[in-house]
Amino acid sequence: MSYEPRRSVGFWAGLIRQFRLAWRLLWDYRVPAWTKLLPFIAMVYIISPIDFLPDWMLGLGQLDDIGVLLLGVRLFTEVVPEEIVLQHLEAMGVNVSRWQEEDDEQTVIEAEYEVKEE
């Protein structure tokens, strides 16, 4: 197994970017109020005494809390209208055009074809 520091740095940078984006979106008046509840619901789960895995199980107990927090933040950024998210990403200095080009490359073109024997 080889250790790839770039991949590790990319993971942490992406995670920080995700939280920064969520923070910016929470303060944007164009984001619907019901979507702003998603990160707070995740926080309520973390604070509540009811857990999938009890917190006294060191490691595993905290792992489900972290997972719910990450899921809540990710879900929040996914349900916000795309144009608002793209505006915030551009304001954060993220190269959004690169992402849009990748989506264009994955476009499916339906067509008919005929196999001719040579």
N, C-alpha and C. Protein backbone atom coordinates (compact mmCIF):
# COMPACT_ATOMS: atom_id res chain seq x y z
N MET A 1 0.84 -1.18 0.00
CA MET A 1 0.00 0.00 0.00
C MET A 1 0.88 1.24 0.00
N SER A 2 0.62 2.14 -0.91
CA SER A 2 1.42 3.36 -0.94
C SER A 2 0.60 4.51 -0.35
N TYR A 3 1.29 5.36 0.36
CA TYR A 3 0.67 6.52 0.97
C TYR A 3 0.70 7.66 -0.01
N GLU A 4 -0.44 8.27 -0.25
CA GLU A 4 -0.52 9.38 -1.18
C GLU A 4 -0.91 10.64 -0.43
N PRO A 5 0.09 11.49 -0.09
CA PRO A 5 -0.23 12.69 0.69
C PRO A 5 -1.13 13.66 -0.05
N ARG A 6 -1.04 13.73 -1.37
CA ARG A 6 -1.89 14.65 -2.12
C ARG A 6 -3.36 14.28 -1.97
N ARG A 7 -3.65 12.99 -2.02
CA ARG A 7 -5.03 12.55 -1.88
C ARG A 7 -5.55 12.88 -0.48
N SER A 8 -4.71 12.72 0.54
CA SER A 8 -5.09 13.03 1.91
C SER A 8 -5.35 14.52 2.08
N VAL A 9 -4.46 15.34 1.54
CA VAL A 9 -4.63 16.79 1.61
C VAL A 9 -5.89 17.19 0.85
N GLY A 10 -6.13 16.59 -0.29
CA GLY A 10 -7.32 16.89 -1.07
C GLY A 10 -8.60 16.57 -0.32
N PHE A 11 -8.58 15.47 0.44
CA PHE A 11 -9.74 15.08 1.23
C PHE A 11 -10.04 16.14 2.28
N TRP A 12 -9.02 16.53 3.03
CA TRP A 12 -9.21 17.51 4.10
C TRP A 12 -9.58 18.88 3.54
N ALA A 13 -8.98 19.27 2.44
CA ALA A 13 -9.31 20.55 1.81
C ALA A 13 -10.76 20.54 1.33
N GLY A 14 -11.20 19.42 0.76
CA GLY A 14 -12.58 19.30 0.31
C GLY A 14 -13.56 19.35 1.47
N LEU A 15 -13.19 18.73 2.58
CA LEU A 15 -14.05 18.73 3.76
C LEU A 15 -14.19 20.14 4.32
N ILE A 16 -13.08 20.84 4.41
CA ILE A 16 -13.11 22.23 4.90
C ILE A 16 -13.92 23.10 3.95
N ARG A 17 -13.75 22.90 2.65
CA ARG A 17 -14.51 23.66 1.65
C ARG A 17 -16.01 23.39 1.80
N GLN A 18 -16.37 22.14 2.07
CA GLN A 18 -17.79 21.78 2.24
C GLN A 18 -18.39 22.51 3.44
N PHE A 19 -17.66 22.58 4.55
CA PHE A 19 -18.17 23.27 5.73
C PHE A 19 -18.23 24.78 5.51
N ARG A 20 -17.24 25.34 4.82
CA ARG A 20 -17.28 26.77 4.50
C ARG A 20 -18.47 27.09 3.61
N LEU A 21 -18.72 26.24 2.63
CA LEU A 21 -19.86 26.43 1.73
C LEU A 21 -21.16 26.37 2.52
N ALA A 22 -21.30 25.40 3.40
CA ALA A 22 -22.51 25.27 4.20
C ALA A 22 -22.70 26.50 5.08
N TRP A 23 -21.63 27.01 5.66
CA TRP A 23 -21.72 28.19 6.51
C TRP A 23 -22.21 29.40 5.70
N ARG A 24 -21.66 29.58 4.50
CA ARG A 24 -22.08 30.69 3.65
C ARG A 24 -23.55 30.54 3.24
N LEU A 25 -23.95 29.32 2.93
CA LEU A 25 -25.33 29.08 2.51
C LEU A 25 -26.32 29.31 3.64
N LEU A 26 -25.91 29.01 4.87
CA LEU A 26 -26.80 29.26 6.01
C LEU A 26 -27.15 30.73 6.15
N TRP A 27 -26.27 31.61 5.75
CA TRP A 27 -26.49 33.05 5.90
C TRP A 27 -27.08 33.68 4.64
N ASP A 28 -27.30 32.92 3.60
CA ASP A 28 -27.85 33.46 2.36
C ASP A 28 -29.37 33.49 2.46
N TYR A 29 -29.94 34.66 2.23
CA TYR A 29 -31.40 34.82 2.35
C TYR A 29 -32.17 34.10 1.25
N ARG A 30 -31.49 33.75 0.13
CA ARG A 30 -32.17 33.09 -0.98
C ARG A 30 -32.39 31.60 -0.73
N VAL A 31 -31.70 31.06 0.24
CA VAL A 31 -31.83 29.63 0.56
C VAL A 31 -33.10 29.43 1.38
N PRO A 32 -33.97 28.52 0.97
CA PRO A 32 -35.22 28.29 1.71
C PRO A 32 -34.96 27.89 3.17
N ALA A 33 -35.83 28.37 4.05
CA ALA A 33 -35.66 28.14 5.49
C ALA A 33 -35.69 26.65 5.84
N TRP A 34 -36.53 25.87 5.17
CA TRP A 34 -36.61 24.45 5.53
C TRP A 34 -35.31 23.72 5.26
N THR A 35 -34.56 24.15 4.24
CA THR A 35 -33.28 23.49 3.97
C THR A 35 -32.25 23.85 5.02
N LYS A 36 -32.38 25.04 5.59
CA LYS A 36 -31.43 25.46 6.64
C LYS A 36 -31.60 24.64 7.92
N LEU A 37 -32.70 23.92 8.03
CA LEU A 37 -32.92 23.08 9.20
C LEU A 37 -32.05 21.81 9.19
N LEU A 38 -31.64 21.36 8.02
CA LEU A 38 -30.92 20.09 7.91
C LEU A 38 -29.64 20.04 8.76
N PRO A 39 -28.73 21.03 8.69
CA PRO A 39 -27.55 20.96 9.55
C PRO A 39 -27.91 21.01 11.04
N PHE A 40 -28.95 21.74 11.38
CA PHE A 40 -29.34 21.84 12.79
C PHE A 40 -29.95 20.53 13.29
N ILE A 41 -30.65 19.83 12.41
CA ILE A 41 -31.17 18.51 12.79
C ILE A 41 -30.01 17.56 13.08
N ALA A 42 -28.97 17.65 12.28
CA ALA A 42 -27.79 16.82 12.53
C ALA A 42 -27.15 17.18 13.87
N MET A 43 -27.10 18.47 14.18
CA MET A 43 -26.53 18.89 15.47
C MET A 43 -27.38 18.41 16.64
N VAL A 44 -28.70 18.44 16.47
CA VAL A 44 -29.60 17.95 17.53
C VAL A 44 -29.35 16.47 17.78
N TYR A 45 -29.12 15.71 16.72
CA TYR A 45 -28.82 14.28 16.88
C TYR A 45 -27.54 14.09 17.69
N ILE A 46 -26.53 14.91 17.39
CA ILE A 46 -25.25 14.79 18.09
C ILE A 46 -25.41 15.11 19.57
N ILE A 47 -26.22 16.12 19.88
CA ILE A 47 -26.40 16.54 21.27
C ILE A 47 -27.34 15.60 22.03
N SER A 48 -28.29 15.00 21.33
CA SER A 48 -29.30 14.18 22.01
C SER A 48 -28.68 12.92 22.61
N PRO A 49 -29.29 12.42 23.68
CA PRO A 49 -28.77 11.19 24.30
C PRO A 49 -29.12 9.93 23.51
N ILE A 50 -29.98 10.04 22.51
CA ILE A 50 -30.37 8.87 21.72
C ILE A 50 -29.41 8.76 20.54
N ASP A 51 -28.73 7.63 20.42
CA ASP A 51 -27.74 7.40 19.37
C ASP A 51 -27.93 6.02 18.77
N PHE A 52 -27.47 5.87 17.52
CA PHE A 52 -27.40 4.52 16.93
C PHE A 52 -26.35 3.71 17.68
N LEU A 53 -25.21 4.32 17.91
CA LEU A 53 -24.14 3.70 18.68
C LEU A 53 -23.89 4.57 19.91
N PRO A 54 -24.02 4.02 21.12
CA PRO A 54 -23.84 4.83 22.33
C PRO A 54 -22.45 5.46 22.40
N ASP A 55 -22.38 6.68 22.95
CA ASP A 55 -21.11 7.40 23.02
C ASP A 55 -20.12 6.76 23.98
N TRP A 56 -20.57 5.93 24.88
CA TRP A 56 -19.62 5.29 25.79
C TRP A 56 -18.75 4.27 25.07
N MET A 57 -19.13 3.87 23.86
CA MET A 57 -18.29 2.98 23.05
C MET A 57 -17.24 3.86 22.36
N LEU A 58 -16.10 4.01 22.99
CA LEU A 58 -15.08 4.93 22.48
C LEU A 58 -14.73 4.61 21.03
N GLY A 59 -14.70 5.64 20.23
CA GLY A 59 -14.38 5.48 18.81
C GLY A 59 -15.64 5.28 18.00
N LEU A 60 -16.31 4.16 18.20
CA LEU A 60 -17.53 3.87 17.43
C LEU A 60 -18.67 4.81 17.79
N GLY A 61 -18.77 5.17 19.05
CA GLY A 61 -19.84 6.06 19.49
C GLY A 61 -19.74 7.44 18.87
N GLN A 62 -18.51 7.90 18.69
CA GLN A 62 -18.30 9.21 18.09
C GLN A 62 -18.36 9.13 16.56
N LEU A 63 -18.08 7.96 16.03
CA LEU A 63 -18.06 7.79 14.58
C LEU A 63 -19.45 8.02 13.97
N ASP A 64 -20.50 7.54 14.61
CA ASP A 64 -21.83 7.77 14.05
C ASP A 64 -22.21 9.24 14.15
N ASP A 65 -21.76 9.94 15.19
CA ASP A 65 -22.03 11.37 15.30
C ASP A 65 -21.36 12.15 14.17
N ILE A 66 -20.12 11.81 13.88
CA ILE A 66 -19.39 12.47 12.79
C ILE A 66 -20.06 12.17 11.46
N GLY A 67 -20.47 10.93 11.28
CA GLY A 67 -21.14 10.54 10.03
C GLY A 67 -22.43 11.29 9.82
N VAL A 68 -23.23 11.44 10.88
CA VAL A 68 -24.49 12.17 10.77
C VAL A 68 -24.23 13.64 10.47
N LEU A 69 -23.20 14.22 11.09
CA LEU A 69 -22.87 15.62 10.83
C LEU A 69 -22.44 15.82 9.38
N LEU A 70 -21.57 14.95 8.88
CA LEU A 70 -21.13 15.05 7.49
C LEU A 70 -22.29 14.84 6.53
N LEU A 71 -23.14 13.89 6.83
CA LEU A 71 -24.31 13.63 5.99
C LEU A 71 -25.26 14.83 5.99
N GLY A 72 -25.47 15.44 7.15
CA GLY A 72 -26.35 16.60 7.23
C GLY A 72 -25.85 17.78 6.43
N VAL A 73 -24.54 18.04 6.52
CA VAL A 73 -23.95 19.15 5.77
C VAL A 73 -23.99 18.86 4.28
N ARG A 74 -23.66 17.65 3.89
CA ARG A 74 -23.68 17.28 2.48
C ARG A 74 -25.10 17.34 1.89
N LEU A 75 -26.05 16.82 2.63
CA LEU A 75 -27.44 16.84 2.17
C LEU A 75 -27.93 18.28 2.03
N PHE A 76 -27.54 19.13 2.99
CA PHE A 76 -27.93 20.54 2.93
C PHE A 76 -27.41 21.20 1.66
N THR A 77 -26.14 21.01 1.34
CA THR A 77 -25.58 21.64 0.15
C THR A 77 -26.16 21.04 -1.14
N GLU A 78 -26.65 19.80 -1.08
CA GLU A 78 -27.23 19.17 -2.26
C GLU A 78 -28.64 19.67 -2.56
N VAL A 79 -29.41 20.04 -1.52
CA VAL A 79 -30.79 20.45 -1.76
C VAL A 79 -30.93 21.95 -2.03
N VAL A 80 -29.88 22.71 -1.77
CA VAL A 80 -29.91 24.15 -2.08
C VAL A 80 -29.87 24.28 -3.60
N PRO A 81 -30.62 25.24 -4.16
CA PRO A 81 -30.60 25.43 -5.62
C PRO A 81 -29.19 25.58 -6.17
N GLU A 82 -28.94 24.89 -7.28
CA GLU A 82 -27.58 24.79 -7.84
C GLU A 82 -26.97 26.14 -8.17
N GLU A 83 -27.75 27.07 -8.69
CA GLU A 83 -27.18 28.36 -9.08
C GLU A 83 -26.66 29.13 -7.87
N ILE A 84 -27.30 28.97 -6.72
CA ILE A 84 -26.84 29.64 -5.49
C ILE A 84 -25.54 29.00 -5.03
N VAL A 85 -25.48 27.68 -5.06
CA VAL A 85 -24.26 26.97 -4.66
C VAL A 85 -23.09 27.37 -5.56
N LEU A 86 -23.32 27.43 -6.87
CA LEU A 86 -22.26 27.79 -7.80
C LEU A 86 -21.77 29.21 -7.56
N GLN A 87 -22.68 30.13 -7.24
CA GLN A 87 -22.26 31.50 -6.95
C GLN A 87 -21.37 31.56 -5.72
N HIS A 88 -21.71 30.80 -4.70
CA HIS A 88 -20.90 30.79 -3.48
C HIS A 88 -19.55 30.12 -3.72
N LEU A 89 -19.55 29.05 -4.50
CA LEU A 89 -18.28 28.39 -4.81
C LEU A 89 -17.35 29.32 -5.58
N GLU A 90 -17.90 30.06 -6.53
CA GLU A 90 -17.09 31.02 -7.28
C GLU A 90 -16.55 32.11 -6.35
N ALA A 91 -17.38 32.57 -5.42
CA ALA A 91 -16.94 33.59 -4.47
C ALA A 91 -15.84 33.05 -3.55
N MET A 92 -15.84 31.74 -3.33
CA MET A 92 -14.80 31.12 -2.50
C MET A 92 -13.53 30.86 -3.30
N GLY A 93 -13.56 31.10 -4.59
CA GLY A 93 -12.36 30.91 -5.42
C GLY A 93 -12.25 29.53 -6.03
N VAL A 94 -13.32 28.77 -6.05
CA VAL A 94 -13.32 27.43 -6.64
C VAL A 94 -13.54 27.55 -8.14
N ASN A 95 -12.79 26.80 -8.93
CA ASN A 95 -12.92 26.81 -10.37
C ASN A 95 -14.15 26.00 -10.77
N VAL A 96 -15.29 26.66 -10.88
CA VAL A 96 -16.56 26.01 -11.14
C VAL A 96 -16.66 25.57 -12.60
N SER A 97 -16.04 26.29 -13.52
CA SER A 97 -16.14 25.94 -14.93
C SER A 97 -15.57 24.56 -15.20
N ARG A 98 -14.56 24.15 -14.45
CA ARG A 98 -13.98 22.81 -14.61
C ARG A 98 -15.02 21.74 -14.31
N TRP A 99 -15.84 21.95 -13.26
CA TRP A 99 -16.87 20.99 -12.91
C TRP A 99 -17.94 20.93 -13.98
N GLN A 100 -18.32 22.07 -14.52
CA GLN A 100 -19.36 22.10 -15.52
C GLN A 100 -18.89 21.43 -16.80
N GLU A 101 -17.61 21.53 -17.15
CA GLU A 101 -17.08 20.86 -18.34
C GLU A 101 -17.11 19.36 -18.16
N GLU A 102 -16.82 18.89 -16.95
CA GLU A 102 -16.85 17.45 -16.69
C GLU A 102 -18.26 16.91 -16.86
N ASP A 103 -19.26 17.68 -16.45
CA ASP A 103 -20.64 17.24 -16.63
C ASP A 103 -21.00 17.14 -18.10
N ASP A 104 -20.47 18.07 -18.92
CA ASP A 104 -20.75 18.06 -20.35
C ASP A 104 -20.17 16.81 -21.01
N GLU A 105 -19.02 16.34 -20.52
CA GLU A 105 -18.37 15.17 -21.11
C GLU A 105 -19.18 13.90 -20.86
N GLN A 106 -20.00 13.89 -19.85
CA GLN A 106 -20.75 12.70 -19.49
C GLN A 106 -22.13 12.68 -20.13
N THR A 107 -22.38 13.56 -21.07
CA THR A 107 -23.67 13.62 -21.74
C THR A 107 -23.85 12.38 -22.62
N VAL A 108 -25.00 11.80 -22.54
CA VAL A 108 -25.31 10.62 -23.34
C VAL A 108 -25.99 11.07 -24.63
N ILE A 109 -25.49 10.59 -25.74
CA ILE A 109 -26.08 10.91 -27.03
C ILE A 109 -26.69 9.63 -27.57
N GLU A 110 -28.01 9.69 -27.78
CA GLU A 110 -28.69 8.52 -28.32
C GLU A 110 -28.71 8.61 -29.84
N ALA A 111 -28.40 7.50 -30.48
CA ALA A 111 -28.39 7.48 -31.94
C ALA A 111 -28.59 6.05 -32.42
N GLU A 112 -28.90 5.93 -33.68
CA GLU A 112 -29.01 4.61 -34.29
C GLU A 112 -27.72 4.33 -35.04
N TYR A 113 -27.36 3.07 -35.11
CA TYR A 113 -26.15 2.70 -35.83
C TYR A 113 -26.39 1.42 -36.61
N GLU A 114 -25.54 1.22 -37.55
CA GLU A 114 -25.65 0.03 -38.40
C GLU A 114 -24.25 -0.55 -38.55
N VAL A 115 -24.12 -1.85 -38.35
CA VAL A 115 -22.84 -2.52 -38.49
C VAL A 115 -22.75 -3.04 -39.91
N LYS A 116 -21.72 -2.64 -40.61
CA LYS A 116 -21.53 -3.10 -41.98
C LYS A 116 -20.33 -4.01 -42.03
N GLU A 117 -20.50 -5.10 -42.74
CA GLU A 117 -19.38 -6.04 -42.88
C GLU A 117 -18.48 -5.55 -44.01
N GLU A 118 -17.20 -5.76 -43.81
CA GLU A 118 -16.24 -5.30 -44.83
C GLU A 118 -15.91 -6.38 -45.81
